[in-house]
C-alpha cells in the first residue's frame, strides 16, 4: 500500500496510507487534511491544484478536464483528477490560497 506525503502549511507534513483507485483529494479529505475543492472534486476549478514532488508515474495520466483547466505541465495536477494507480510512495505540495 503506497504512502502519500502531503506537504502543507509551510513545513507541516502529513503521511498517510492510500489505496489504489482513490484520488489525492479524497485521500486528503478522508484524513482531515485541508485541501480546497470549490467544485466538489469534479475537475471544473483549480482550487485543489497541487505540485507532485515525487511519484507522478504512480498517478493516473493527466486527463481532458485537467487540460481544459490549463493544467498541462508537470509538476502541476488537480488532486481530484489524480488517481493513485501504483504501489510506490507519492509526495505532493498542497497549494495554499
C-alpha atoms as a PDB file:
ATOM      1  CA  UNK A   1       0.000   0.000   0.000  1.00  0.00           C
ATOM      2  CA  UNK A   2       1.600   3.308  -1.047  1.00  0.00           C
ATOM      3  CA  UNK A   3       2.145   6.162   1.358  1.00  0.00           C
ATOM      4  CA  UNK A   4       1.138   9.688   0.385  1.00  0.00           C
ATOM      5  CA  UNK A   5       3.113  12.557   1.909  1.00  0.00           C
ATOM      6  CA  UNK A   6       1.229  15.858   1.993  1.00  0.00           C
ATOM      7  CA  UNK A   7       3.406  18.944   2.465  1.00  0.00           C
ATOM      8  CA  UNK A   8       1.222  21.811   3.638  1.00  0.00           C
ATOM      9  CA  UNK A   9       1.221  24.965   5.737  1.00  0.00           C
ATOM     10  CA  UNK A  10       4.890  25.659   5.216  1.00  0.00           C
ATOM     11  CA  UNK A  11       6.780  22.811   6.849  1.00  0.00           C
ATOM     12  CA  UNK A  12       3.872  20.754   8.218  1.00  0.00           C
ATOM     13  CA  UNK A  13       3.864  17.232   6.791  1.00  0.00           C
ATOM     14  CA  UNK A  14       1.202  14.527   6.977  1.00  0.00           C
ATOM     15  CA  UNK A  15       1.898  10.965   5.812  1.00  0.00           C
ATOM     16  CA  UNK A  16      -0.989   8.558   5.209  1.00  0.00           C
ATOM     17  CA  UNK A  17      -1.508   5.194   3.558  1.00  0.00           C
ATOM     18  CA  UNK A  18      -3.620   5.098   0.420  1.00  0.00           C
ATOM     19  CA  UNK A  19      -5.449   2.513  -1.607  1.00  0.00           C
ATOM     20  CA  UNK A  20      -5.250   2.291  -5.362  1.00  0.00           C
ATOM     21  CA  UNK A  21      -8.200   3.862  -7.137  1.00  0.00           C
ATOM     22  CA  UNK A  22      -8.560   6.847  -4.814  1.00  0.00           C
ATOM     23  CA  UNK A  23      -7.948  10.444  -5.849  1.00  0.00           C
ATOM     24  CA  UNK A  24      -5.404  12.523  -3.970  1.00  0.00           C
ATOM     25  CA  UNK A  25      -8.250  14.860  -2.963  1.00  0.00           C
ATOM     26  CA  UNK A  26     -10.330  12.033  -1.487  1.00  0.00           C
ATOM     27  CA  UNK A  27      -7.326  10.695   0.410  1.00  0.00           C
ATOM     28  CA  UNK A  28      -6.695  14.160   1.866  1.00  0.00           C
ATOM     29  CA  UNK A  29     -10.331  14.630   2.881  1.00  0.00           C
ATOM     30  CA  UNK A  30     -10.533  11.137   4.401  1.00  0.00           C
ATOM     31  CA  UNK A  31      -7.599  12.053   6.674  1.00  0.00           C
ATOM     32  CA  UNK A  32      -8.795  15.580   7.610  1.00  0.00           C
ATOM     33  CA  UNK A  33      -6.039  17.229   5.568  1.00  0.00           C
ATOM     34  CA  UNK A  34      -7.286  20.652   4.482  1.00  0.00           C
ATOM     35  CA  UNK A  35      -7.467  20.984   0.705  1.00  0.00           C
ATOM     36  CA  UNK A  36      -9.621  23.446  -1.214  1.00  0.00           C
ATOM     37  CA  UNK A  37     -12.146  21.951  -3.635  1.00  0.00           C
ATOM     38  CA  UNK A  38     -14.657  24.603  -4.694  1.00  0.00           C
ATOM     39  CA  UNK A  39     -16.267  22.462  -7.428  1.00  0.00           C
ATOM     40  CA  UNK A  40     -16.700  19.456  -5.156  1.00  0.00           C
ATOM     41  CA  UNK A  41     -13.885  17.485  -6.757  1.00  0.00           C
ATOM     42  CA  UNK A  42     -15.352  17.457 -10.261  1.00  0.00           C
ATOM     43  CA  UNK A  43     -12.396  18.984 -12.113  1.00  0.00           C
ATOM     44  CA  UNK A  44     -14.130  22.270 -13.005  1.00  0.00           C
ATOM     45  CA  UNK A  45     -11.908  24.627 -10.995  1.00  0.00           C
ATOM     46  CA  UNK A  46      -8.273  24.718  -9.955  1.00  0.00           C
ATOM     47  CA  UNK A  47      -8.620  25.118  -6.192  1.00  0.00           C
ATOM     48  CA  UNK A  48      -7.339  21.582  -5.486  1.00  0.00           C
ATOM     49  CA  UNK A  49      -4.248  22.015  -7.649  1.00  0.00           C
ATOM     50  CA  UNK A  50      -1.078  20.562  -6.171  1.00  0.00           C
ATOM     51  CA  UNK A  51       2.555  20.056  -7.103  1.00  0.00           C
ATOM     52  CA  UNK A  52       3.622  16.417  -7.339  1.00  0.00           C
ATOM     53  CA  UNK A  53       7.119  16.345  -5.857  1.00  0.00           C
ATOM     54  CA  UNK A  54       7.610  12.584  -6.214  1.00  0.00           C
ATOM     55  CA  UNK A  55       5.665   9.736  -7.807  1.00  0.00           C
ATOM     56  CA  UNK A  56       3.997  11.350 -10.818  1.00  0.00           C
ATOM     57  CA  UNK A  57       4.313   7.972 -12.552  1.00  0.00           C
ATOM     58  CA  UNK A  58       2.260   6.396  -9.752  1.00  0.00           C
ATOM     59  CA  UNK A  59      -0.781   8.524 -10.681  1.00  0.00           C
ATOM     60  CA  UNK A  60      -3.288   8.276 -13.495  1.00  0.00           C
ATOM     61  CA  UNK A  61      -2.334  10.190 -16.644  1.00  0.00           C
ATOM     62  CA  UNK A  62      -3.416  13.815 -16.971  1.00  0.00           C
ATOM     63  CA  UNK A  63      -6.936  13.881 -18.393  1.00  0.00           C
ATOM     64  CA  UNK A  64      -9.085  16.204 -20.532  1.00  0.00           C
ATOM     65  CA  UNK A  65     -10.551  18.014 -17.526  1.00  0.00           C
ATOM     66  CA  UNK A  66      -7.107  18.999 -16.316  1.00  0.00           C
ATOM     67  CA  UNK A  67      -6.031  20.081 -19.788  1.00  0.00           C
ATOM     68  CA  UNK A  68      -9.248  22.104 -20.215  1.00  0.00           C
ATOM     69  CA  UNK A  69      -8.370  23.932 -16.984  1.00  0.00           C
ATOM     70  CA  UNK A  70      -4.891  24.720 -18.333  1.00  0.00           C
ATOM     71  CA  UNK A  71      -3.056  22.153 -16.177  1.00  0.00           C
ATOM     72  CA  UNK A  72      -0.750  20.766 -18.834  1.00  0.00           C
ATOM     73  CA  UNK A  73       2.760  20.580 -17.394  1.00  0.00           C
ATOM     74  CA  UNK A  74       4.414  18.712 -14.548  1.00  0.00           C
ATOM     75  CA  UNK A  75       4.523  19.030 -11.593  1.00  0.00           C
ATOM     76  CA  UNK A  76       1.013  20.584 -11.552  1.00  0.00           C
ATOM     77  CA  UNK A  77      -2.010  18.303 -11.162  1.00  0.00           C
ATOM     78  CA  UNK A  78      -5.587  18.634  -9.989  1.00  0.00           C
ATOM     79  CA  UNK A  79      -5.775  16.427  -6.916  1.00  0.00           C
ATOM     80  CA  UNK A  80      -9.393  15.497  -7.687  1.00  0.00           C
ATOM     81  CA  UNK A  81      -8.342  14.051 -11.052  1.00  0.00           C
ATOM     82  CA  UNK A  82      -5.117  12.373  -9.871  1.00  0.00           C
ATOM     83  CA  UNK A  83      -5.905   8.748  -9.089  1.00  0.00           C
ATOM     84  CA  UNK A  84      -3.397   6.535  -7.280  1.00  0.00           C
ATOM     85  CA  UNK A  85      -2.554   3.648  -9.624  1.00  0.00           C
ATOM     86  CA  UNK A  86       0.877   2.471  -8.485  1.00  0.00           C
ATOM     87  CA  UNK A  87       2.390   0.866  -5.402  1.00  0.00           C
ATOM     88  CA  UNK A  88       5.191   3.389  -4.797  1.00  0.00           C
ATOM     89  CA  UNK A  89       5.062   6.386  -2.451  1.00  0.00           C
ATOM     90  CA  UNK A  90       3.904   9.809  -3.611  1.00  0.00           C
ATOM     91  CA  UNK A  91       4.740  13.284  -2.284  1.00  0.00           C
ATOM     92  CA  UNK A  92       2.673  16.368  -3.026  1.00  0.00           C
ATOM     93  CA  UNK A  93       2.731  20.017  -2.065  1.00  0.00           C
ATOM     94  CA  UNK A  94      -0.747  21.280  -1.192  1.00  0.00           C
ATOM     95  CA  UNK A  95      -1.322  24.732  -2.701  1.00  0.00           C
ATOM     96  CA  UNK A  96      -2.230  27.466  -0.220  1.00  0.00           C
ATOM     97  CA  UNK A  97      -4.903  30.016  -1.216  1.00  0.00           C
END
